[in-house]
All heavy atoms as atom14 arrays in JSON, in Angstrom:
{
  "sequence": "AERGFLTIAFDPSFTGESGGNVRYMASPDINTEDFMAAVDFLSLN",
  "atom14_mask": [
    [1, 1, 1, 1, 1, 0, 0, 0, 0, 0, 0, 0, 0, 0],
    [1, 1, 1, 1, 1, 1, 1, 1, 1, 0, 0, 0, 0, 0],
    [1, 1, 1, 1, 1, 1, 1, 1, 1, 1, 1, 0, 0, 0],
    [1, 1, 1, 1, 0, 0, 0, 0, 0, 0, 0, 0, 0, 0],
    [1, 1, 1, 1, 1, 1, 1, 1, 1, 1, 1, 0, 0, 0],
    [1, 1, 1, 1, 1, 1, 1, 1, 0, 0, 0, 0, 0, 0],
    [1, 1, 1, 1, 1, 1, 1, 0, 0, 0, 0, 0, 0, 0],
    [1, 1, 1, 1, 1, 1, 1, 1, 0, 0, 0, 0, 0, 0],
    [1, 1, 1, 1, 1, 0, 0, 0, 0, 0, 0, 0, 0, 0],
    [1, 1, 1, 1, 1, 1, 1, 1, 1, 1, 1, 0, 0, 0],
    [1, 1, 1, 1, 1, 1, 1, 1, 0, 0, 0, 0, 0, 0],
    [1, 1, 1, 1, 1, 1, 1, 0, 0, 0, 0, 0, 0, 0],
    [1, 1, 1, 1, 1, 1, 0, 0, 0, 0, 0, 0, 0, 0],
    [1, 1, 1, 1, 1, 1, 1, 1, 1, 1, 1, 0, 0, 0],
    [1, 1, 1, 1, 1, 1, 1, 0, 0, 0, 0, 0, 0, 0],
    [1, 1, 1, 1, 0, 0, 0, 0, 0, 0, 0, 0, 0, 0],
    [1, 1, 1, 1, 1, 1, 1, 1, 1, 0, 0, 0, 0, 0],
    [1, 1, 1, 1, 1, 1, 0, 0, 0, 0, 0, 0, 0, 0],
    [1, 1, 1, 1, 0, 0, 0, 0, 0, 0, 0, 0, 0, 0],
    [1, 1, 1, 1, 0, 0, 0, 0, 0, 0, 0, 0, 0, 0],
    [1, 1, 1, 1, 1, 1, 1, 1, 0, 0, 0, 0, 0, 0],
    [1, 1, 1, 1, 1, 1, 1, 0, 0, 0, 0, 0, 0, 0],
    [1, 1, 1, 1, 1, 1, 1, 1, 1, 1, 1, 0, 0, 0],
    [1, 1, 1, 1, 1, 1, 1, 1, 1, 1, 1, 1, 0, 0],
    [1, 1, 1, 1, 1, 1, 1, 1, 0, 0, 0, 0, 0, 0],
    [1, 1, 1, 1, 1, 0, 0, 0, 0, 0, 0, 0, 0, 0],
    [1, 1, 1, 1, 1, 1, 0, 0, 0, 0, 0, 0, 0, 0],
    [1, 1, 1, 1, 1, 1, 1, 0, 0, 0, 0, 0, 0, 0],
    [1, 1, 1, 1, 1, 1, 1, 1, 0, 0, 0, 0, 0, 0],
    [1, 1, 1, 1, 1, 1, 1, 1, 0, 0, 0, 0, 0, 0],
    [1, 1, 1, 1, 1, 1, 1, 1, 0, 0, 0, 0, 0, 0],
    [1, 1, 1, 1, 1, 1, 1, 0, 0, 0, 0, 0, 0, 0],
    [1, 1, 1, 1, 1, 1, 1, 1, 1, 0, 0, 0, 0, 0],
    [1, 1, 1, 1, 1, 1, 1, 1, 0, 0, 0, 0, 0, 0],
    [1, 1, 1, 1, 1, 1, 1, 1, 1, 1, 1, 0, 0, 0],
    [1, 1, 1, 1, 1, 1, 1, 1, 0, 0, 0, 0, 0, 0],
    [1, 1, 1, 1, 1, 0, 0, 0, 0, 0, 0, 0, 0, 0],
    [1, 1, 1, 1, 1, 0, 0, 0, 0, 0, 0, 0, 0, 0],
    [1, 1, 1, 1, 1, 1, 1, 0, 0, 0, 0, 0, 0, 0],
    [1, 1, 1, 1, 1, 1, 1, 1, 0, 0, 0, 0, 0, 0],
    [1, 1, 1, 1, 1, 1, 1, 1, 1, 1, 1, 0, 0, 0],
    [1, 1, 1, 1, 1, 1, 1, 1, 0, 0, 0, 0, 0, 0],
    [1, 1, 1, 1, 1, 1, 0, 0, 0, 0, 0, 0, 0, 0],
    [1, 1, 1, 1, 1, 1, 1, 1, 0, 0, 0, 0, 0, 0],
    [1, 1, 1, 1, 1, 1, 1, 1, 0, 0, 0, 0, 0, 0]
  ],
  "atom14_positions": [
    [[4.04, -5.36, -15.23], [3.15, -6.49, -15.54], [3.26, -6.82, -17.08], [3.19, -8.01, -17.38], [1.64, -6.12, -15.27], [0.0, 0.0, 0.0], [0.0, 0.0, 0.0], [0.0, 0.0, 0.0], [0.0, 0.0, 0.0], [0.0, 0.0, 0.0], [0.0, 0.0, 0.0], [0.0, 0.0, 0.0], [0.0, 0.0, 0.0], [0.0, 0.0, 0.0]],
    [[3.52, -5.91, -17.89], [3.77, -6.14, -19.35], [5.01, -7.08, -19.45], [5.12, -7.68, -20.36], [3.95, -4.85, -20.15], [2.71, -4.1, -20.35], [2.95, -2.75, -21.06], [4.08, -2.27, -20.91], [1.84, -2.17, -21.5], [0.0, 0.0, 0.0], [0.0, 0.0, 0.0], [0.0, 0.0, 0.0], [0.0, 0.0, 0.0], [0.0, 0.0, 0.0]],
    [[5.88, -6.97, -18.5], [7.11, -7.81, -18.54], [7.03, -9.05, -17.77], [8.05, -9.71, -17.52], [8.34, -6.97, -17.99], [8.66, -5.79, -18.88], [9.69, -4.84, -18.2], [10.2, -3.96, -19.27], [9.66, -2.96, -19.78], [8.48, -2.5, -19.32], [10.39, -2.06, -20.54], [0.0, 0.0, 0.0], [0.0, 0.0, 0.0], [0.0, 0.0, 0.0]],
    [[5.81, -9.48, -17.35], [5.52, -10.87, -16.75], [5.23, -10.87, -15.26], [5.2, -11.96, -14.72], [0.0, 0.0, 0.0], [0.0, 0.0, 0.0], [0.0, 0.0, 0.0], [0.0, 0.0, 0.0], [0.0, 0.0, 0.0], [0.0, 0.0, 0.0], [0.0, 0.0, 0.0], [0.0, 0.0, 0.0], [0.0, 0.0, 0.0], [0.0, 0.0, 0.0]],
    [[5.25, -9.7, -14.52], [5.09, -9.72, -13.07], [3.62, -9.45, -12.87], [2.89, -8.72, -13.51], [5.89, -8.57, -12.47], [7.36, -8.79, -12.54], [8.03, -8.3, -13.68], [8.11, -9.4, -11.57], [9.5, -8.4, -13.7], [9.4, -9.5, -11.58], [10.08, -9.09, -12.66], [0.0, 0.0, 0.0], [0.0, 0.0, 0.0], [0.0, 0.0, 0.0]],
    [[3.06, -10.03, -11.77], [1.74, -9.64, -11.23], [2.13, -8.45, -10.29], [3.13, -8.51, -9.44], [1.21, -10.75, -10.41], [-0.26, -10.4, -9.78], [-1.09, -11.65, -9.69], [-0.15, -9.73, -8.52], [0.0, 0.0, 0.0], [0.0, 0.0, 0.0], [0.0, 0.0, 0.0], [0.0, 0.0, 0.0], [0.0, 0.0, 0.0], [0.0, 0.0, 0.0]],
    [[1.5, -7.17, -10.47], [1.82, -6.14, -9.76], [0.58, -5.38, -9.1], [-0.44, -5.57, -9.55], [2.5, -5.1, -10.65], [1.65, -4.6, -11.62], [3.74, -5.68, -11.34], [0.0, 0.0, 0.0], [0.0, 0.0, 0.0], [0.0, 0.0, 0.0], [0.0, 0.0, 0.0], [0.0, 0.0, 0.0], [0.0, 0.0, 0.0], [0.0, 0.0, 0.0]],
    [[0.93, -4.74, -8.01], [-0.09, -3.86, -7.5], [0.53, -2.41, -7.24], [1.77, -2.32, -6.88], [-0.66, -4.39, -6.1], [0.44, -4.62, -5.11], [-1.44, -5.65, -6.44], [-0.16, -5.01, -3.63], [0.0, 0.0, 0.0], [0.0, 0.0, 0.0], [0.0, 0.0, 0.0], [0.0, 0.0, 0.0], [0.0, 0.0, 0.0], [0.0, 0.0, 0.0]],
    [[-0.25, -1.54, -7.59], [0.16, -0.04, -7.17], [-0.9, 0.39, -6.19], [-2.05, 0.28, -6.42], [0.13, 0.76, -8.46], [0.0, 0.0, 0.0], [0.0, 0.0, 0.0], [0.0, 0.0, 0.0], [0.0, 0.0, 0.0], [0.0, 0.0, 0.0], [0.0, 0.0, 0.0], [0.0, 0.0, 0.0], [0.0, 0.0, 0.0], [0.0, 0.0, 0.0]],
    [[-0.38, 0.8, -4.99], [-1.4, 0.97, -3.91], [-1.31, 2.52, -3.45], [-0.18, 3.12, -3.43], [-1.22, 0.13, -2.73], [0.05, 0.21, -1.98], [0.2, 1.07, -0.92], [1.11, -0.57, -2.38], [1.42, 1.16, -0.3], [2.31, -0.56, -1.72], [2.48, 0.34, -0.59], [0.0, 0.0, 0.0], [0.0, 0.0, 0.0], [0.0, 0.0, 0.0]],
    [[-2.44, 3.08, -2.98], [-2.44, 4.34, -2.25], [-2.12, 3.98, -0.89], [-2.72, 3.17, -0.16], [-3.79, 4.92, -2.39], [-4.26, 5.53, -3.76], [-3.3, 5.81, -4.52], [-5.35, 5.58, -4.07], [0.0, 0.0, 0.0], [0.0, 0.0, 0.0], [0.0, 0.0, 0.0], [0.0, 0.0, 0.0], [0.0, 0.0, 0.0], [0.0, 0.0, 0.0]],
    [[-1.16, 4.79, -0.32], [-0.76, 4.57, 1.1], [-1.84, 5.03, 2.02], [-2.82, 5.67, 1.61], [0.45, 5.45, 1.25], [0.45, 6.31, 0.15], [-0.32, 5.79, -0.96], [0.0, 0.0, 0.0], [0.0, 0.0, 0.0], [0.0, 0.0, 0.0], [0.0, 0.0, 0.0], [0.0, 0.0, 0.0], [0.0, 0.0, 0.0], [0.0, 0.0, 0.0]],
    [[-1.83, 4.72, 3.27], [-2.77, 5.18, 4.2], [-2.88, 6.64, 4.14], [-1.98, 7.39, 3.99], [-2.23, 4.85, 5.64], [-2.21, 3.44, 5.87], [0.0, 0.0, 0.0], [0.0, 0.0, 0.0], [0.0, 0.0, 0.0], [0.0, 0.0, 0.0], [0.0, 0.0, 0.0], [0.0, 0.0, 0.0], [0.0, 0.0, 0.0], [0.0, 0.0, 0.0]],
    [[-4.13, 7.07, 4.37], [-4.51, 8.58, 4.4], [-4.5, 9.21, 3.04], [-4.54, 10.48, 2.96], [-3.64, 9.33, 5.4], [-3.36, 8.55, 6.7], [-2.15, 8.12, 7.1], [-4.42, 8.32, 7.55], [-1.86, 7.58, 8.25], [-4.27, 7.7, 8.79], [-2.98, 7.27, 9.08], [0.0, 0.0, 0.0], [0.0, 0.0, 0.0], [0.0, 0.0, 0.0]],
    [[-4.19, 8.44, 1.93], [-4.13, 9.18, 0.66], [-4.92, 8.43, -0.42], [-5.3, 7.31, -0.34], [-2.71, 8.93, 0.28], [-1.85, 9.48, 1.22], [-2.31, 9.64, -1.09], [0.0, 0.0, 0.0], [0.0, 0.0, 0.0], [0.0, 0.0, 0.0], [0.0, 0.0, 0.0], [0.0, 0.0, 0.0], [0.0, 0.0, 0.0], [0.0, 0.0, 0.0]],
    [[-5.37, 9.27, -1.47], [-6.14, 8.74, -2.48], [-7.41, 7.97, -2.02], [-8.13, 8.43, -1.24], [0.0, 0.0, 0.0], [0.0, 0.0, 0.0], [0.0, 0.0, 0.0], [0.0, 0.0, 0.0], [0.0, 0.0, 0.0], [0.0, 0.0, 0.0], [0.0, 0.0, 0.0], [0.0, 0.0, 0.0], [0.0, 0.0, 0.0], [0.0, 0.0, 0.0]],
    [[-7.64, 6.73, -2.66], [-8.79, 5.99, -2.3], [-8.6, 5.09, -1.1], [-9.55, 4.5, -0.64], [-9.17, 5.05, -3.48], [-9.6, 5.71, -4.8], [-10.03, 4.73, -5.79], [-9.18, 3.93, -6.25], [-11.11, 4.79, -6.32], [0.0, 0.0, 0.0], [0.0, 0.0, 0.0], [0.0, 0.0, 0.0], [0.0, 0.0, 0.0], [0.0, 0.0, 0.0]],
    [[-7.46, 5.16, -0.39], [-7.26, 4.29, 0.66], [-7.79, 4.97, 1.95], [-8.3, 6.27, 1.87], [-5.7, 4.09, 1.04], [-5.24, 3.12, 0.08], [0.0, 0.0, 0.0], [0.0, 0.0, 0.0], [0.0, 0.0, 0.0], [0.0, 0.0, 0.0], [0.0, 0.0, 0.0], [0.0, 0.0, 0.0], [0.0, 0.0, 0.0], [0.0, 0.0, 0.0]],
    [[-7.96, 4.2, 2.98], [-8.65, 4.66, 4.3], [-7.58, 5.44, 5.06], [-6.51, 5.73, 4.78], [0.0, 0.0, 0.0], [0.0, 0.0, 0.0], [0.0, 0.0, 0.0], [0.0, 0.0, 0.0], [0.0, 0.0, 0.0], [0.0, 0.0, 0.0], [0.0, 0.0, 0.0], [0.0, 0.0, 0.0], [0.0, 0.0, 0.0], [0.0, 0.0, 0.0]],
    [[-8.21, 5.76, 6.29], [-7.46, 6.55, 7.35], [-8.22, 7.78, 7.46], [-8.49, 8.57, 6.49], [0.0, 0.0, 0.0], [0.0, 0.0, 0.0], [0.0, 0.0, 0.0], [0.0, 0.0, 0.0], [0.0, 0.0, 0.0], [0.0, 0.0, 0.0], [0.0, 0.0, 0.0], [0.0, 0.0, 0.0], [0.0, 0.0, 0.0], [0.0, 0.0, 0.0]],
    [[-8.42, 8.28, 8.65], [-9.15, 9.36, 8.95], [-8.47, 10.69, 8.78], [-9.09, 11.76, 8.34], [-9.74, 9.37, 10.37], [-10.77, 8.29, 10.53], [-11.56, 7.99, 9.43], [-10.91, 7.65, 11.64], [0.0, 0.0, 0.0], [0.0, 0.0, 0.0], [0.0, 0.0, 0.0], [0.0, 0.0, 0.0], [0.0, 0.0, 0.0], [0.0, 0.0, 0.0]],
    [[-7.13, 10.78, 9.07], [-6.35, 11.93, 8.86], [-5.91, 11.91, 7.4], [-5.32, 11.02, 7.06], [-5.24, 12.09, 9.79], [-4.42, 13.33, 9.61], [-5.7, 12.01, 11.25], [0.0, 0.0, 0.0], [0.0, 0.0, 0.0], [0.0, 0.0, 0.0], [0.0, 0.0, 0.0], [0.0, 0.0, 0.0], [0.0, 0.0, 0.0], [0.0, 0.0, 0.0]],
    [[-6.22, 12.86, 6.62], [-5.9, 12.81, 5.15], [-4.59, 13.53, 4.95], [-4.26, 14.53, 5.65], [-7.03, 13.55, 4.43], [-8.39, 12.78, 4.55], [-8.27, 11.22, 4.37], [-8.08, 10.91, 3.01], [-7.83, 9.67, 2.58], [-7.89, 8.67, 3.39], [-7.72, 9.43, 1.27], [0.0, 0.0, 0.0], [0.0, 0.0, 0.0], [0.0, 0.0, 0.0]],
    [[-3.93, 13.07, 3.87], [-2.63, 13.7, 3.4], [-1.56, 13.98, 4.34], [-0.98, 15.04, 4.49], [-3.01, 15.13, 2.71], [-4.27, 14.96, 1.8], [-5.45, 15.61, 2.16], [-4.17, 14.18, 0.71], [-6.58, 15.47, 1.31], [-5.42, 14.05, -0.18], [-6.52, 14.67, 0.23], [-7.57, 14.56, -0.63], [0.0, 0.0, 0.0], [0.0, 0.0, 0.0]],
    [[-1.25, 12.81, 5.1], [-0.08, 12.84, 6.02], [0.67, 11.61, 5.85], [0.27, 10.63, 5.12], [-0.62, 12.97, 7.5], [-1.33, 11.69, 7.98], [-1.21, 11.52, 9.74], [0.24, 10.35, 9.91], [0.0, 0.0, 0.0], [0.0, 0.0, 0.0], [0.0, 0.0, 0.0], [0.0, 0.0, 0.0], [0.0, 0.0, 0.0], [0.0, 0.0, 0.0]],
    [[1.89, 11.72, 6.28], [2.77, 10.53, 6.29], [3.31, 10.13, 7.6], [3.44, 10.98, 8.49], [4.02, 10.79, 5.36], [0.0, 0.0, 0.0], [0.0, 0.0, 0.0], [0.0, 0.0, 0.0], [0.0, 0.0, 0.0], [0.0, 0.0, 0.0], [0.0, 0.0, 0.0], [0.0, 0.0, 0.0], [0.0, 0.0, 0.0], [0.0, 0.0, 0.0]],
    [[3.46, 8.82, 7.83], [4.07, 8.27, 9.08], [4.93, 7.19, 8.61], [4.46, 6.16, 8.16], [2.85, 7.67, 9.87], [3.39, 6.89, 10.93], [0.0, 0.0, 0.0], [0.0, 0.0, 0.0], [0.0, 0.0, 0.0], [0.0, 0.0, 0.0], [0.0, 0.0, 0.0], [0.0, 0.0, 0.0], [0.0, 0.0, 0.0], [0.0, 0.0, 0.0]],
    [[6.3, 7.32, 8.93], [7.2, 6.28, 8.54], [6.78, 4.87, 9.07], [6.88, 3.86, 8.42], [8.55, 6.69, 9.26], [8.36, 8.13, 9.3], [6.86, 8.42, 9.66], [0.0, 0.0, 0.0], [0.0, 0.0, 0.0], [0.0, 0.0, 0.0], [0.0, 0.0, 0.0], [0.0, 0.0, 0.0], [0.0, 0.0, 0.0], [0.0, 0.0, 0.0]],
    [[6.23, 4.73, 10.34], [5.72, 3.56, 10.85], [4.65, 2.91, 10.07], [4.72, 1.78, 9.7], [5.35, 3.69, 12.34], [6.53, 3.98, 13.21], [7.74, 3.91, 12.95], [6.26, 4.42, 14.4], [0.0, 0.0, 0.0], [0.0, 0.0, 0.0], [0.0, 0.0, 0.0], [0.0, 0.0, 0.0], [0.0, 0.0, 0.0], [0.0, 0.0, 0.0]],
    [[3.68, 3.76, 9.95], [2.38, 3.32, 9.23], [2.72, 3.0, 7.75], [2.33, 1.96, 7.15], [1.21, 4.27, 9.35], [0.79, 4.36, 10.83], [0.08, 3.88, 8.41], [-0.22, 5.3, 11.13], [0.0, 0.0, 0.0], [0.0, 0.0, 0.0], [0.0, 0.0, 0.0], [0.0, 0.0, 0.0], [0.0, 0.0, 0.0], [0.0, 0.0, 0.0]],
    [[3.46, 3.81, 7.08], [3.73, 3.7, 5.7], [4.75, 2.55, 5.48], [4.64, 1.91, 4.36], [4.38, 4.99, 5.04], [3.25, 6.13, 5.1], [3.58, 7.22, 5.33], [2.03, 5.67, 4.93], [0.0, 0.0, 0.0], [0.0, 0.0, 0.0], [0.0, 0.0, 0.0], [0.0, 0.0, 0.0], [0.0, 0.0, 0.0], [0.0, 0.0, 0.0]],
    [[5.63, 2.2, 6.3], [6.38, 0.93, 6.24], [5.47, -0.25, 6.32], [5.59, -1.11, 5.55], [7.49, 0.92, 7.27], [8.42, 2.02, 7.01], [8.32, -0.4, 7.2], [0.0, 0.0, 0.0], [0.0, 0.0, 0.0], [0.0, 0.0, 0.0], [0.0, 0.0, 0.0], [0.0, 0.0, 0.0], [0.0, 0.0, 0.0], [0.0, 0.0, 0.0]],
    [[4.59, -0.06, 7.28], [3.54, -1.23, 7.34], [2.72, -1.43, 6.15], [2.24, -2.5, 5.79], [2.77, -0.97, 8.65], [1.54, -1.92, 8.71], [1.6, -3.3, 8.69], [2.86, -3.78, 9.07], [0.72, -4.1, 8.28], [0.0, 0.0, 0.0], [0.0, 0.0, 0.0], [0.0, 0.0, 0.0], [0.0, 0.0, 0.0], [0.0, 0.0, 0.0]],
    [[2.33, -0.22, 5.52], [1.56, -0.32, 4.26], [2.25, -1.27, 3.24], [1.75, -2.06, 2.52], [1.42, 1.02, 3.67], [0.47, 1.99, 4.41], [-0.28, 1.45, 5.28], [0.58, 3.2, 4.11], [0.0, 0.0, 0.0], [0.0, 0.0, 0.0], [0.0, 0.0, 0.0], [0.0, 0.0, 0.0], [0.0, 0.0, 0.0], [0.0, 0.0, 0.0]],
    [[3.66, -1.05, 3.02], [4.34, -1.83, 2.11], [4.31, -3.27, 2.58], [4.21, -4.28, 1.83], [5.85, -1.47, 2.09], [6.24, -0.69, 0.7], [6.86, 0.39, 0.74], [5.95, -1.37, -0.51], [7.24, 1.01, -0.51], [6.16, -0.83, -1.83], [6.88, 0.36, -1.68], [0.0, 0.0, 0.0], [0.0, 0.0, 0.0], [0.0, 0.0, 0.0]],
    [[4.52, -3.53, 3.95], [4.47, -4.91, 4.46], [3.13, -5.57, 4.22], [2.95, -6.75, 3.88], [4.85, -4.91, 5.89], [6.31, -4.51, 6.11], [6.87, -4.48, 7.82], [7.2, -6.19, 8.15], [0.0, 0.0, 0.0], [0.0, 0.0, 0.0], [0.0, 0.0, 0.0], [0.0, 0.0, 0.0], [0.0, 0.0, 0.0], [0.0, 0.0, 0.0]],
    [[1.99, -4.75, 4.44], [0.71, -5.3, 4.07], [0.42, -5.64, 2.57], [-0.11, -6.71, 2.31], [-0.38, -4.29, 4.5], [0.0, 0.0, 0.0], [0.0, 0.0, 0.0], [0.0, 0.0, 0.0], [0.0, 0.0, 0.0], [0.0, 0.0, 0.0], [0.0, 0.0, 0.0], [0.0, 0.0, 0.0], [0.0, 0.0, 0.0], [0.0, 0.0, 0.0]],
    [[1.2, -4.91, 1.67], [1.13, -5.21, 0.23], [1.76, -6.51, 0.06], [1.28, -7.34, -0.7], [1.73, -3.98, -0.47], [0.0, 0.0, 0.0], [0.0, 0.0, 0.0], [0.0, 0.0, 0.0], [0.0, 0.0, 0.0], [0.0, 0.0, 0.0], [0.0, 0.0, 0.0], [0.0, 0.0, 0.0], [0.0, 0.0, 0.0], [0.0, 0.0, 0.0]],
    [[2.89, -6.74, 0.74], [3.57, -7.97, 0.59], [2.85, -9.17, 1.21], [2.68, -10.19, 0.51], [5.08, -7.96, 1.32], [5.68, -9.38, 1.34], [5.98, -6.88, 0.61], [0.0, 0.0, 0.0], [0.0, 0.0, 0.0], [0.0, 0.0, 0.0], [0.0, 0.0, 0.0], [0.0, 0.0, 0.0], [0.0, 0.0, 0.0], [0.0, 0.0, 0.0]],
    [[2.13, -8.86, 2.21], [1.11, -9.86, 2.88], [0.09, -10.29, 1.7], [-0.2, -11.48, 1.51], [0.31, -9.31, 4.06], [1.17, -9.22, 5.33], [2.19, -9.78, 5.37], [0.77, -8.46, 6.13], [0.0, 0.0, 0.0], [0.0, 0.0, 0.0], [0.0, 0.0, 0.0], [0.0, 0.0, 0.0], [0.0, 0.0, 0.0], [0.0, 0.0, 0.0]],
    [[-0.55, -9.22, 1.05], [-1.53, -9.38, 0.08], [-0.98, -10.32, -1.02], [-1.64, -11.31, -1.45], [-2.01, -8.18, -0.33], [-3.06, -8.28, -1.57], [-4.37, -8.69, -1.46], [-2.57, -8.13, -2.89], [-5.27, -8.81, -2.53], [-3.39, -8.28, -3.93], [-4.73, -8.65, -3.71], [0.0, 0.0, 0.0], [0.0, 0.0, 0.0], [0.0, 0.0, 0.0]],
    [[0.26, -9.93, -1.5], [0.71, -10.63, -2.69], [1.23, -12.14, -2.23], [0.87, -12.99, -2.96], [1.99, -9.92, -3.22], [1.8, -8.47, -3.87], [3.08, -7.82, -4.22], [1.0, -8.83, -5.06], [0.0, 0.0, 0.0], [0.0, 0.0, 0.0], [0.0, 0.0, 0.0], [0.0, 0.0, 0.0], [0.0, 0.0, 0.0], [0.0, 0.0, 0.0]],
    [[1.7, -12.24, -1.1], [2.17, -13.56, -0.67], [0.98, -14.5, -0.55], [1.26, -15.84, -0.59], [3.04, -13.53, 0.5], [2.28, -13.24, 1.62], [0.0, 0.0, 0.0], [0.0, 0.0, 0.0], [0.0, 0.0, 0.0], [0.0, 0.0, 0.0], [0.0, 0.0, 0.0], [0.0, 0.0, 0.0], [0.0, 0.0, 0.0], [0.0, 0.0, 0.0]],
    [[-0.23, -14.03, -0.24], [-1.33, -14.89, -0.11], [-2.13, -14.99, -1.33], [-3.03, -15.9, -1.42], [-2.22, -14.34, 0.98], [-1.62, -14.32, 2.43], [-2.46, -13.56, 3.33], [-1.29, -15.77, 2.88], [0.0, 0.0, 0.0], [0.0, 0.0, 0.0], [0.0, 0.0, 0.0], [0.0, 0.0, 0.0], [0.0, 0.0, 0.0], [0.0, 0.0, 0.0]],
    [[-1.72, -14.38, -2.49], [-2.56, -14.46, -3.67], [-2.2, -15.81, -4.35], [-0.93, -16.07, -4.5], [-2.07, -13.27, -4.61], [-2.99, -13.16, -5.88], [-2.99, -14.08, -6.69], [-3.67, -12.04, -6.01], [0.0, 0.0, 0.0], [0.0, 0.0, 0.0], [0.0, 0.0, 0.0], [0.0, 0.0, 0.0], [0.0, 0.0, 0.0], [0.0, 0.0, 0.0]]
  ]
}
């Protein structure tokens, strides 16, 4: 962002402040979708 980009750093599903009932796990399907949802958010901003 200091270099001119609008940026987001996100907690993936099940981690940190993000939602999801099972905590501290990874799922390639869900986590790939997390990145795609971030792109959705940015593209609509």
